[in-house]
N, C-alpha and C. Protein backbone atom coordinates (compact mmCIF):
# COMPACT_ATOMS: atom_id res chain seq x y z
N UNK A 1 -61.84 16.39 -45.82
CA UNK A 1 -61.43 18.08 -46.33
C UNK A 1 -61.04 17.99 -47.80
N UNK A 2 -60.50 17.17 -48.42
CA UNK A 2 -60.31 17.51 -49.95
C UNK A 2 -61.30 17.55 -50.88
N UNK A 3 -62.28 16.86 -50.68
CA UNK A 3 -63.84 16.94 -51.48
C UNK A 3 -64.51 18.17 -50.60
N UNK A 4 -64.21 18.49 -49.51
CA UNK A 4 -64.80 20.18 -49.49
C UNK A 4 -64.05 20.99 -49.96
N UNK A 5 -62.77 20.87 -50.38
CA UNK A 5 -62.16 22.03 -51.19
C UNK A 5 -62.78 21.83 -52.58
N UNK A 6 -62.81 20.76 -53.29
CA UNK A 6 -63.20 20.84 -54.61
C UNK A 6 -64.44 21.36 -54.58
N UNK A 7 -65.36 21.11 -53.59
CA UNK A 7 -67.09 21.59 -53.61
C UNK A 7 -66.85 23.17 -53.46
N UNK A 8 -66.04 23.78 -52.56
CA UNK A 8 -65.98 25.02 -52.41
C UNK A 8 -65.40 25.99 -53.50
N UNK A 9 -64.47 25.01 -53.95
CA UNK A 9 -63.87 25.97 -55.33
C UNK A 9 -65.06 25.86 -56.43
N UNK A 10 -65.60 24.76 -56.55
CA UNK A 10 -66.95 24.68 -57.77
C UNK A 10 -67.67 25.82 -57.19
N UNK A 11 -68.09 26.05 -56.12
CA UNK A 11 -68.84 27.02 -55.71
C UNK A 11 -68.00 28.60 -56.07
N UNK A 12 -67.02 28.69 -55.96
CA UNK A 12 -66.42 29.63 -55.84
C UNK A 12 -66.25 30.05 -57.50
N UNK A 13 -66.04 29.21 -58.39
CA UNK A 13 -65.72 29.21 -59.79
C UNK A 13 -67.22 29.61 -60.72
N UNK A 14 -68.27 29.44 -59.84
CA UNK A 14 -69.62 29.45 -60.49
C UNK A 14 -70.22 30.73 -60.03
N UNK A 15 -69.43 31.39 -58.97
CA UNK A 15 -69.67 32.43 -58.31
C UNK A 15 -71.31 32.02 -57.28
N UNK A 16 -71.45 31.11 -56.85
CA UNK A 16 -72.30 30.66 -55.91
C UNK A 16 -72.05 31.21 -54.60
N UNK A 17 -73.33 31.39 -53.51
CA UNK A 17 -73.17 31.55 -52.36
C UNK A 17 -73.31 30.72 -51.38
N UNK A 18 -72.20 30.69 -50.49
CA UNK A 18 -71.72 29.76 -49.45
C UNK A 18 -71.95 30.40 -48.32
N UNK A 19 -73.07 29.99 -47.33
CA UNK A 19 -73.30 30.40 -46.00
C UNK A 19 -72.49 29.69 -45.09
N UNK A 20 -71.97 30.71 -44.23
CA UNK A 20 -71.32 29.93 -42.97
C UNK A 20 -72.29 29.77 -41.94
N UNK A 21 -72.31 28.98 -40.94
CA UNK A 21 -73.12 28.56 -39.98
C UNK A 21 -72.25 28.27 -38.58
N UNK A 22 -72.49 28.89 -37.60
CA UNK A 22 -71.51 28.61 -36.38
C UNK A 22 -71.66 29.77 -35.56
N UNK A 23 -72.54 28.90 -34.11
CA UNK A 23 -72.86 30.14 -33.59
C UNK A 23 -72.44 29.74 -32.00
N UNK A 24 -71.70 28.92 -32.09
CA UNK A 24 -71.07 28.65 -30.47
C UNK A 24 -69.81 30.09 -30.18
N UNK A 25 -70.05 30.62 -28.86
CA UNK A 25 -69.52 31.65 -28.93
C UNK A 25 -67.82 31.75 -29.07
N UNK A 26 -67.30 30.61 -28.89
CA UNK A 26 -65.74 30.50 -29.20
C UNK A 26 -65.50 30.68 -30.67
N UNK A 27 -66.36 30.59 -31.50
CA UNK A 27 -65.80 30.46 -32.75
C UNK A 27 -66.64 31.46 -33.71
N UNK A 28 -67.25 32.40 -32.94
CA UNK A 28 -67.71 33.37 -33.71
C UNK A 28 -66.98 34.24 -34.45
N UNK A 29 -66.31 34.77 -33.83
CA UNK A 29 -65.33 35.71 -34.75
C UNK A 29 -64.15 34.78 -35.86
N UNK A 30 -64.22 33.62 -35.78
CA UNK A 30 -63.28 33.24 -36.59
C UNK A 30 -64.31 32.64 -37.96
N UNK A 31 -65.88 32.42 -37.50
CA UNK A 31 -66.70 32.45 -38.77
C UNK A 31 -66.86 33.61 -39.54
N UNK A 32 -67.19 34.85 -38.66
CA UNK A 32 -67.11 36.01 -39.51
C UNK A 32 -65.77 36.63 -40.25
N UNK A 33 -64.76 36.40 -39.75
CA UNK A 33 -63.67 36.54 -40.06
C UNK A 33 -63.44 35.90 -41.80
N UNK A 34 -63.57 34.60 -41.68
CA UNK A 34 -63.55 33.86 -42.36
C UNK A 34 -64.30 34.25 -43.71
N UNK A 35 -65.43 34.30 -43.58
CA UNK A 35 -66.95 34.72 -44.36
C UNK A 35 -66.20 36.00 -45.27
N UNK A 36 -66.18 36.79 -44.33
CA UNK A 36 -65.69 38.37 -44.63
C UNK A 36 -64.26 38.10 -45.64
N UNK A 37 -63.85 37.27 -45.78
CA UNK A 37 -62.70 37.31 -46.36
C UNK A 37 -62.82 37.14 -47.59
N UNK A 38 -63.62 36.24 -48.07
CA UNK A 38 -64.38 36.03 -49.34
C UNK A 38 -65.82 36.46 -49.60
N UNK A 39 -66.49 37.33 -48.75
CA UNK A 39 -67.26 38.14 -49.03
C UNK A 39 -68.45 37.49 -49.11
N UNK A 40 -68.69 36.56 -48.19
CA UNK A 40 -69.92 35.47 -48.36
C UNK A 40 -70.54 35.81 -47.04
N UNK A 41 -72.09 35.51 -46.79
CA UNK A 41 -72.82 35.69 -45.56
C UNK A 41 -72.50 34.45 -44.81
N UNK A 42 -72.69 35.01 -43.42
CA UNK A 42 -72.47 34.18 -42.22
C UNK A 42 -73.37 34.50 -41.03
N UNK A 43 -74.04 33.26 -40.21
CA UNK A 43 -74.97 33.41 -39.27
C UNK A 43 -73.83 32.86 -38.16
N UNK A 44 -73.33 33.79 -37.22
CA UNK A 44 -72.54 33.59 -36.07
C UNK A 44 -73.40 34.09 -34.66
N UNK A 45 -74.18 34.56 -34.79
CA UNK A 45 -74.70 34.94 -33.11
C UNK A 45 -76.20 34.03 -32.66
N UNK A 46 -77.12 33.40 -33.73
CA UNK A 46 -77.75 32.31 -33.66
C UNK A 46 -78.27 32.48 -35.29
N UNK A 47 -79.32 31.07 -35.16
CA UNK A 47 -79.66 30.93 -36.40
C UNK A 47 -81.30 31.28 -36.46
N UNK A 48 -81.83 31.96 -37.65
CA UNK A 48 -82.81 32.75 -37.66
C UNK A 48 -84.09 31.42 -38.23
N UNK A 49 -84.64 31.11 -37.52
CA UNK A 49 -85.83 30.40 -38.11
C UNK A 49 -86.49 30.29 -38.98
N UNK A 50 -86.43 29.53 -40.34
CA UNK A 50 -87.01 29.76 -41.11
C UNK A 50 -86.11 30.58 -42.53
N UNK A 51 -84.89 30.75 -42.18
CA UNK A 51 -84.42 31.49 -43.08
C UNK A 51 -84.14 30.97 -44.26
N UNK A 52 -84.23 29.46 -44.57
CA UNK A 52 -84.34 28.70 -45.54
C UNK A 52 -85.55 28.49 -46.23
N UNK A 53 -86.32 27.99 -45.08
CA UNK A 53 -87.59 27.53 -45.71
C UNK A 53 -88.76 28.81 -45.61
N UNK A 54 -88.68 29.66 -45.09
CA UNK A 54 -89.60 30.50 -45.62
C UNK A 54 -88.55 31.89 -45.89
N UNK A 55 -87.72 31.69 -46.94
CA UNK A 55 -86.87 32.57 -47.02
C UNK A 55 -87.63 34.23 -47.59
N UNK A 56 -88.63 34.12 -48.20
CA UNK A 56 -89.30 35.59 -48.55
C UNK A 56 -89.91 36.21 -47.68
N UNK A 57 -90.26 35.55 -46.23
CA UNK A 57 -90.97 36.64 -45.61
C UNK A 57 -89.68 36.91 -44.65
N UNK A 58 -88.77 36.18 -44.86
CA UNK A 58 -87.14 36.85 -43.70
C UNK A 58 -86.68 37.63 -44.75
N UNK A 59 -86.80 37.54 -45.94
CA UNK A 59 -85.96 38.81 -46.82
C UNK A 59 -86.89 39.98 -46.87
N UNK A 60 -87.98 39.92 -46.48
CA UNK A 60 -88.86 41.03 -46.69
C UNK A 60 -88.41 41.65 -45.11
N UNK A 61 -88.05 40.91 -44.03
CA UNK A 61 -87.93 41.71 -42.92
C UNK A 61 -86.37 42.24 -42.69
N UNK A 62 -85.57 41.64 -43.63
CA UNK A 62 -84.35 42.44 -44.05
C UNK A 62 -84.46 43.46 -44.63
N UNK A 63 -85.68 43.50 -45.44
CA UNK A 63 -85.57 44.93 -46.42
C UNK A 63 -85.99 45.69 -45.33
N UNK A 64 -86.98 45.94 -44.62
CA UNK A 64 -87.65 46.72 -43.71
C UNK A 64 -86.49 46.96 -42.85
N UNK A 65 -85.15 46.29 -42.32
CA UNK A 65 -83.93 46.37 -41.24
C UNK A 65 -83.23 47.80 -42.26
N UNK A 66 -83.18 47.10 -43.77
CA UNK A 66 -82.16 48.18 -44.42
C UNK A 66 -82.74 49.21 -44.76
N UNK A 67 -84.32 49.27 -44.47
CA UNK A 67 -85.18 50.81 -44.87
C UNK A 67 -84.71 51.47 -43.47
N UNK A 68 -84.53 50.91 -42.34
CA UNK A 68 -84.61 51.49 -41.38
C UNK A 68 -83.65 52.35 -41.12
N UNK A 69 -82.21 51.33 -41.36
CA UNK A 69 -80.89 51.83 -41.28
C UNK A 69 -80.54 52.73 -42.37
N UNK A 70 -81.12 52.50 -43.78
CA UNK A 70 -81.00 53.81 -44.58
C UNK A 70 -81.63 55.18 -43.74
N UNK A 71 -82.44 55.27 -43.50
CA UNK A 71 -83.42 56.36 -42.79
C UNK A 71 -82.25 56.66 -41.49
N UNK A 72 -81.99 55.66 -40.84
CA UNK A 72 -80.99 56.65 -39.72
C UNK A 72 -80.02 57.21 -40.10
N UNK A 73 -79.45 56.73 -41.03
CA UNK A 73 -78.21 57.23 -41.99
C UNK A 73 -78.33 58.73 -42.61
N UNK A 74 -79.20 58.63 -43.12
CA UNK A 74 -79.92 59.73 -43.91
C UNK A 74 -80.53 61.14 -42.80
N UNK A 75 -80.96 60.55 -41.40
CA UNK A 75 -81.46 61.55 -40.92
C UNK A 75 -82.77 61.52 -40.76
N UNK A 76 -83.54 60.76 -41.76
CA UNK A 76 -84.68 60.68 -42.24
C UNK A 76 -85.79 60.44 -40.78
N UNK A 77 -85.33 59.77 -39.97
CA UNK A 77 -86.07 59.13 -38.87
C UNK A 77 -86.47 60.45 -37.78
N UNK A 78 -85.42 61.29 -37.86
CA UNK A 78 -85.88 62.48 -36.48
C UNK A 78 -86.77 63.08 -37.47
N UNK A 79 -86.82 63.18 -38.93
CA UNK A 79 -87.78 64.02 -39.41
C UNK A 79 -89.06 63.51 -39.33
N UNK A 80 -89.30 62.48 -39.73
CA UNK A 80 -90.48 61.56 -39.53
C UNK A 80 -91.12 61.39 -38.24
N UNK A 81 -90.34 60.99 -37.36
CA UNK A 81 -90.83 60.35 -35.74
C UNK A 81 -90.58 61.15 -34.61
N UNK A 82 -90.84 61.17 -33.52
CA UNK A 82 -90.85 62.36 -32.40
C UNK A 82 -89.34 61.29 -31.59
N UNK A 83 -89.36 61.81 -30.36
CA UNK A 83 -88.28 61.24 -29.41
C UNK A 83 -88.29 60.07 -29.12
N UNK A 84 -89.53 59.88 -28.60
CA UNK A 84 -90.15 58.33 -28.07
C UNK A 84 -89.62 56.98 -29.45
N UNK A 85 -90.47 57.76 -29.96
CA UNK A 85 -90.70 56.53 -31.03
C UNK A 85 -89.13 56.40 -31.69
N UNK A 86 -88.05 57.19 -31.88
CA UNK A 86 -86.69 57.08 -32.40
C UNK A 86 -86.47 56.40 -31.62
N UNK A 87 -86.38 56.39 -30.40
CA UNK A 87 -85.84 55.38 -29.03
C UNK A 87 -86.25 53.93 -29.55
N UNK A 88 -87.81 53.58 -29.56
CA UNK A 88 -88.37 52.34 -29.93
C UNK A 88 -87.35 51.90 -31.22
N UNK A 89 -87.63 52.55 -32.19
CA UNK A 89 -86.66 52.37 -33.36
C UNK A 89 -85.70 52.22 -33.16
N UNK A 90 -84.65 52.70 -32.44
CA UNK A 90 -83.29 52.54 -32.64
C UNK A 90 -83.09 50.72 -31.99
N UNK A 91 -83.98 51.11 -30.94
CA UNK A 91 -83.83 49.44 -29.90
C UNK A 91 -84.13 48.69 -31.45
N UNK A 92 -85.14 48.39 -31.92
CA UNK A 92 -85.44 47.45 -32.75
C UNK A 92 -83.94 47.65 -33.99
N UNK A 93 -83.74 48.35 -34.48
CA UNK A 93 -82.91 48.40 -35.13
C UNK A 93 -81.34 47.66 -34.65
N UNK A 94 -81.41 48.05 -33.41
CA UNK A 94 -80.17 47.04 -32.49
C UNK A 94 -80.37 45.72 -32.92
N UNK A 95 -81.48 45.17 -32.62
CA UNK A 95 -82.11 43.92 -32.76
C UNK A 95 -81.96 43.19 -33.74
N UNK A 96 -82.47 43.92 -34.67
CA UNK A 96 -82.52 43.64 -36.41
C UNK A 96 -81.05 43.31 -36.72
N UNK A 97 -79.78 43.93 -36.44
CA UNK A 97 -78.68 44.55 -36.42
C UNK A 97 -78.11 43.03 -36.01
N UNK A 98 -78.31 42.66 -34.62
CA UNK A 98 -77.71 41.23 -34.15
C UNK A 98 -78.33 40.20 -34.89
N UNK A 99 -79.73 40.40 -35.39
CA UNK A 99 -79.91 39.13 -36.16
C UNK A 99 -79.53 38.75 -37.85
N UNK A 100 -79.60 40.29 -38.46
CA UNK A 100 -79.50 39.98 -39.72
C UNK A 100 -77.98 40.52 -40.48
N UNK A 101 -76.95 41.06 -39.36
CA UNK A 101 -75.63 41.53 -39.86
C UNK A 101 -74.90 40.55 -40.78
N UNK A 102 -75.23 39.36 -40.86
CA UNK A 102 -74.58 38.47 -41.61
C UNK A 102 -74.84 38.05 -42.64
N UNK A 103 -76.24 38.28 -42.92
CA UNK A 103 -77.29 37.54 -44.37
C UNK A 103 -77.87 38.63 -44.84
N UNK A 104 -77.73 39.93 -44.32
CA UNK A 104 -78.59 40.94 -45.01
C UNK A 104 -78.18 41.18 -46.54
N UNK A 105 -77.19 40.45 -47.01
CA UNK A 105 -76.87 40.68 -48.29
C UNK A 105 -77.50 39.77 -49.14
N UNK A 106 -77.90 38.47 -48.13
CA UNK A 106 -78.57 37.55 -49.21
C UNK A 106 -79.67 37.93 -50.06
N UNK A 107 -79.93 37.65 -51.29
CA UNK A 107 -81.02 38.11 -51.87
C UNK A 107 -81.85 36.69 -52.55
N UNK A 108 -81.29 35.95 -52.45
CA UNK A 108 -81.80 34.40 -52.56
C UNK A 108 -81.27 33.28 -51.41
N UNK A 109 -81.62 32.04 -51.83
CA UNK A 109 -81.09 31.21 -50.76
C UNK A 109 -79.91 30.59 -50.95
N UNK A 110 -79.05 30.40 -50.05
CA UNK A 110 -77.74 30.17 -50.56
C UNK A 110 -77.48 29.18 -51.58
N UNK A 111 -76.61 28.52 -52.20
CA UNK A 111 -76.43 27.51 -52.82
C UNK A 111 -75.82 26.47 -51.87
N UNK A 112 -75.42 26.73 -51.03
CA UNK A 112 -74.46 25.31 -50.02
C UNK A 112 -74.31 26.04 -48.43
N UNK A 113 -74.54 25.32 -47.42
CA UNK A 113 -74.13 25.90 -45.71
C UNK A 113 -72.57 25.12 -45.71
N UNK A 114 -72.06 25.75 -44.96
CA UNK A 114 -70.89 25.54 -44.24
C UNK A 114 -70.98 25.60 -42.57
N UNK A 115 -71.22 24.52 -41.94
CA UNK A 115 -71.70 24.31 -40.69
C UNK A 115 -70.59 23.56 -39.84
N UNK A 116 -70.37 24.42 -38.85
CA UNK A 116 -69.50 23.96 -37.76
C UNK A 116 -70.48 23.34 -36.54
N UNK A 117 -69.98 22.33 -36.60
CA UNK A 117 -70.97 21.48 -35.14
C UNK A 117 -72.23 21.35 -35.50
N UNK A 118 -72.74 20.56 -36.49
CA UNK A 118 -74.23 20.39 -36.90
C UNK A 118 -75.25 19.99 -35.55
N UNK A 119 -74.50 19.31 -34.64
CA UNK A 119 -75.66 18.93 -33.51
C UNK A 119 -76.04 20.48 -32.90
N UNK A 120 -74.87 21.35 -32.99
CA UNK A 120 -75.43 22.75 -32.32
C UNK A 120 -76.20 23.22 -33.04
N UNK A 121 -76.14 23.11 -34.48
CA UNK A 121 -76.60 24.01 -35.50
C UNK A 121 -77.84 22.68 -36.42
N UNK A 122 -78.66 22.26 -35.48
CA UNK A 122 -79.76 21.48 -36.10
C UNK A 122 -80.64 21.81 -36.86
N UNK A 123 -81.18 22.95 -36.25
CA UNK A 123 -82.26 23.75 -36.95
C UNK A 123 -81.67 23.99 -38.48
N UNK A 124 -80.51 24.39 -38.81
CA UNK A 124 -80.09 25.00 -39.93
C UNK A 124 -79.75 23.70 -40.86
N UNK A 125 -79.33 22.53 -40.38
CA UNK A 125 -79.43 21.24 -40.84
C UNK A 125 -80.53 20.61 -41.57
N UNK A 126 -81.38 21.10 -40.61
CA UNK A 126 -82.88 20.41 -41.16
C UNK A 126 -83.67 21.26 -42.51
N UNK A 127 -83.22 22.66 -41.84
CA UNK A 127 -84.16 23.37 -43.24
C UNK A 127 -83.08 23.27 -44.48
N UNK A 128 -81.77 23.12 -44.62
CA UNK A 128 -81.24 23.20 -45.48
C UNK A 128 -81.76 21.72 -46.42
N UNK A 129 -81.64 20.72 -45.61
CA UNK A 129 -82.24 19.31 -46.17
C UNK A 129 -83.95 19.47 -46.74
N UNK A 130 -84.61 20.46 -46.26
CA UNK A 130 -85.70 20.57 -46.67
C UNK A 130 -85.92 20.94 -47.94
N UNK A 131 -84.83 22.18 -48.26
CA UNK A 131 -84.71 22.59 -49.55
C UNK A 131 -84.11 22.34 -50.10
N UNK A 132 -83.42 21.12 -50.20
CA UNK A 132 -82.06 20.43 -50.81
C UNK A 132 -80.66 21.19 -51.11
N UNK A 133 -80.18 21.85 -50.19
CA UNK A 133 -78.94 22.66 -50.18
C UNK A 133 -78.06 21.66 -49.60
N UNK A 134 -77.06 21.53 -50.54
CA UNK A 134 -75.73 20.66 -50.32
C UNK A 134 -75.30 21.19 -48.74
N UNK A 135 -74.68 20.33 -47.92
CA UNK A 135 -74.15 20.82 -46.52
C UNK A 135 -72.93 20.11 -46.51
N UNK A 136 -71.86 21.37 -46.10
CA UNK A 136 -70.52 20.86 -45.92
C UNK A 136 -70.48 20.95 -44.34
N UNK A 137 -69.93 19.77 -43.81
CA UNK A 137 -70.11 20.17 -42.11
C UNK A 137 -68.87 19.65 -41.37
N UNK A 138 -68.23 20.32 -40.59
CA UNK A 138 -67.39 19.82 -39.53
C UNK A 138 -68.09 19.09 -38.55
N UNK A 139 -67.48 17.75 -38.62
CA UNK A 139 -68.57 16.91 -37.92
C UNK A 139 -67.33 15.88 -36.89
N UNK A 140 -68.07 16.14 -35.55
CA UNK A 140 -67.12 15.07 -34.26
C UNK A 140 -67.55 14.17 -34.45
N UNK A 141 -67.03 13.20 -33.63
CA UNK A 141 -67.45 11.27 -33.46
C UNK A 141 -68.62 11.71 -32.68
N UNK A 142 -69.13 12.51 -32.05
CA UNK A 142 -70.68 12.28 -31.02
C UNK A 142 -71.65 13.17 -32.23
N UNK A 143 -71.79 12.87 -33.44
CA UNK A 143 -72.58 13.20 -34.24
C UNK A 143 -73.05 12.63 -35.50
N UNK A 144 -74.47 12.32 -35.53
CA UNK A 144 -74.99 11.74 -36.65
C UNK A 144 -74.69 12.26 -37.96
N UNK A 145 -73.98 11.76 -38.90
CA UNK A 145 -73.56 12.32 -40.04
C UNK A 145 -74.85 12.42 -41.14
N UNK A 146 -75.63 11.94 -40.81
CA UNK A 146 -76.92 11.63 -42.11
C UNK A 146 -77.52 13.22 -42.29
N UNK A 147 -77.52 13.13 -43.64
CA UNK A 147 -78.30 14.46 -44.12
C UNK A 147 -76.90 15.48 -44.17
N UNK A 148 -75.91 15.54 -43.99
CA UNK A 148 -74.96 16.13 -44.57
C UNK A 148 -74.05 15.77 -45.59
N UNK A 149 -73.90 16.56 -46.94
CA UNK A 149 -73.67 16.17 -48.05
C UNK A 149 -72.10 15.52 -48.22
N UNK A 150 -71.49 16.65 -47.30
CA UNK A 150 -69.91 16.61 -47.51
C UNK A 150 -69.35 16.98 -46.19
N UNK A 151 -68.73 15.72 -45.64
CA UNK A 151 -68.34 15.36 -44.23
C UNK A 151 -67.03 16.02 -43.88
N UNK A 152 -66.62 17.04 -42.80
CA UNK A 152 -65.04 16.77 -42.69
C UNK A 152 -64.89 16.43 -41.16
N UNK A 153 -64.33 15.13 -41.21
CA UNK A 153 -64.19 14.54 -39.55
C UNK A 153 -63.48 15.50 -38.89
N UNK A 154 -63.66 15.78 -37.87
CA UNK A 154 -62.61 16.89 -36.76
C UNK A 154 -63.07 17.41 -36.00
N UNK A 155 -62.37 17.87 -34.84
CA UNK A 155 -63.00 18.11 -33.26
C UNK A 155 -63.63 19.91 -33.89
N UNK A 156 -65.07 19.47 -33.77
CA UNK A 156 -65.57 20.81 -33.86
C UNK A 156 -65.92 21.82 -32.73
N UNK A 157 -65.41 21.42 -31.65
CA UNK A 157 -65.31 22.39 -30.38
C UNK A 157 -64.11 22.91 -30.18
N UNK A 158 -62.87 22.31 -30.89
CA UNK A 158 -61.39 23.07 -30.80
C UNK A 158 -61.41 24.45 -31.78
N UNK A 159 -60.87 25.56 -31.11
CA UNK A 159 -60.92 26.53 -32.06
C UNK A 159 -59.64 26.73 -33.26
N UNK A 160 -58.21 25.73 -32.84
CA UNK A 160 -57.25 25.83 -33.68
C UNK A 160 -57.69 24.80 -34.93
N UNK A 161 -58.58 23.79 -34.81
CA UNK A 161 -59.20 22.89 -35.71
C UNK A 161 -60.19 23.46 -36.64
N UNK A 162 -60.66 24.53 -35.81
CA UNK A 162 -61.66 25.13 -36.69
C UNK A 162 -60.96 26.00 -37.64
N UNK A 163 -60.26 27.04 -36.79
CA UNK A 163 -59.58 27.94 -37.35
C UNK A 163 -58.79 27.41 -38.78
N UNK A 164 -57.94 26.01 -38.66
CA UNK A 164 -57.12 25.67 -39.33
C UNK A 164 -57.91 25.12 -40.48
N UNK A 165 -59.04 24.67 -40.41
CA UNK A 165 -60.11 24.13 -41.77
C UNK A 165 -60.88 25.48 -42.56
N UNK A 166 -61.31 26.49 -41.80
CA UNK A 166 -61.81 27.52 -41.88
C UNK A 166 -60.67 28.19 -43.52
N UNK A 167 -59.56 28.34 -42.44
CA UNK A 167 -58.31 29.10 -43.46
C UNK A 167 -58.03 28.22 -44.56
N UNK A 168 -58.43 27.05 -44.54
CA UNK A 168 -58.12 26.08 -45.85
C UNK A 168 -59.30 26.45 -46.91
N UNK A 169 -60.53 26.68 -46.33
CA UNK A 169 -61.84 26.69 -47.22
C UNK A 169 -61.45 28.16 -47.63
N UNK A 170 -61.05 29.26 -47.06
CA UNK A 170 -60.79 30.17 -47.71
C UNK A 170 -60.05 30.34 -49.06
N UNK A 171 -58.56 29.46 -47.93
CA UNK A 171 -57.85 29.38 -49.60
C UNK A 171 -58.28 28.94 -50.86
N UNK A 172 -59.22 27.47 -50.39
CA UNK A 172 -59.68 26.88 -51.79
C UNK A 172 -60.62 27.77 -52.85
N UNK A 173 -61.43 28.79 -51.90
CA UNK A 173 -62.13 29.68 -52.39
C UNK A 173 -61.62 30.25 -53.47
N UNK A 174 -60.45 30.94 -52.67
CA UNK A 174 -59.42 32.47 -53.44
C UNK A 174 -59.11 31.66 -54.59
N UNK A 175 -58.45 30.74 -54.35
CA UNK A 175 -57.41 29.93 -55.71
C UNK A 175 -58.29 29.67 -57.04
N UNK A 176 -59.58 29.59 -56.45
CA UNK A 176 -60.53 29.22 -57.82
C UNK A 176 -61.41 30.42 -58.16
N UNK A 177 -61.19 31.23 -57.90
CA UNK A 177 -62.39 32.70 -57.95
C UNK A 177 -61.59 33.17 -58.84
N UNK A 178 -60.45 32.93 -59.41
CA UNK A 178 -59.96 33.65 -60.90
C UNK A 178 -59.86 32.63 -61.88
N UNK A 179 -60.50 31.45 -61.67
CA UNK A 179 -60.36 30.54 -62.68
C UNK A 179 -61.40 30.71 -63.36
N UNK A 180 -61.77 30.48 -64.90
CA UNK A 180 -63.12 30.47 -65.45
C UNK A 180 -63.42 29.13 -65.59
N UNK A 181 -64.54 28.73 -65.53
CA UNK A 181 -65.33 27.63 -66.05
C UNK A 181 -64.51 26.67 -66.97
N UNK A 182 -64.43 27.32 -68.02
CA UNK A 182 -63.69 26.71 -69.02
C UNK A 182 -62.42 26.31 -68.81
N UNK A 183 -61.64 26.60 -68.07
CA UNK A 183 -60.31 26.48 -67.28
C UNK A 183 -60.12 25.05 -66.97
N UNK A 184 -59.30 24.40 -66.33
CA UNK A 184 -59.13 23.29 -65.71
C UNK A 184 -59.27 21.87 -66.38
């Protein structure tokens, strides 16, 4: 855990991106809250296949989503399309919101991943390994830690355990945010 604090603090000092990944229904709100506290992206509903290995294509889809969202807010959808088309676009907007809401701000591949339960998030772990992104993970005893850069041995199913770890990670991020790289 202390090693993870150092890594997270280093990412914070260098203004890097840490993507939080945890899609278990019991921890979604904790993941979202923790990532939001430090203004970092998160995946809490489902992992989007190819997010890391095919980022440029996924980014185009996110840009499309942002454009639709802007058009809806500005009222341009009503000007461009008929009622039936607007209903179809609205359903697509909901689906895209569900998929991209936590990562829409990503403009490049994240610098590191923080995964809760790599057994559950095996696709995210494999993609991170393919593109050589360091992975910090909360790992229970039933998981093979191969490929995980920084292991935090803990119960990855207990809300209290995960909440404690994420709160400490957020503290480590915030403590190092105000320190310049030349200090310390």
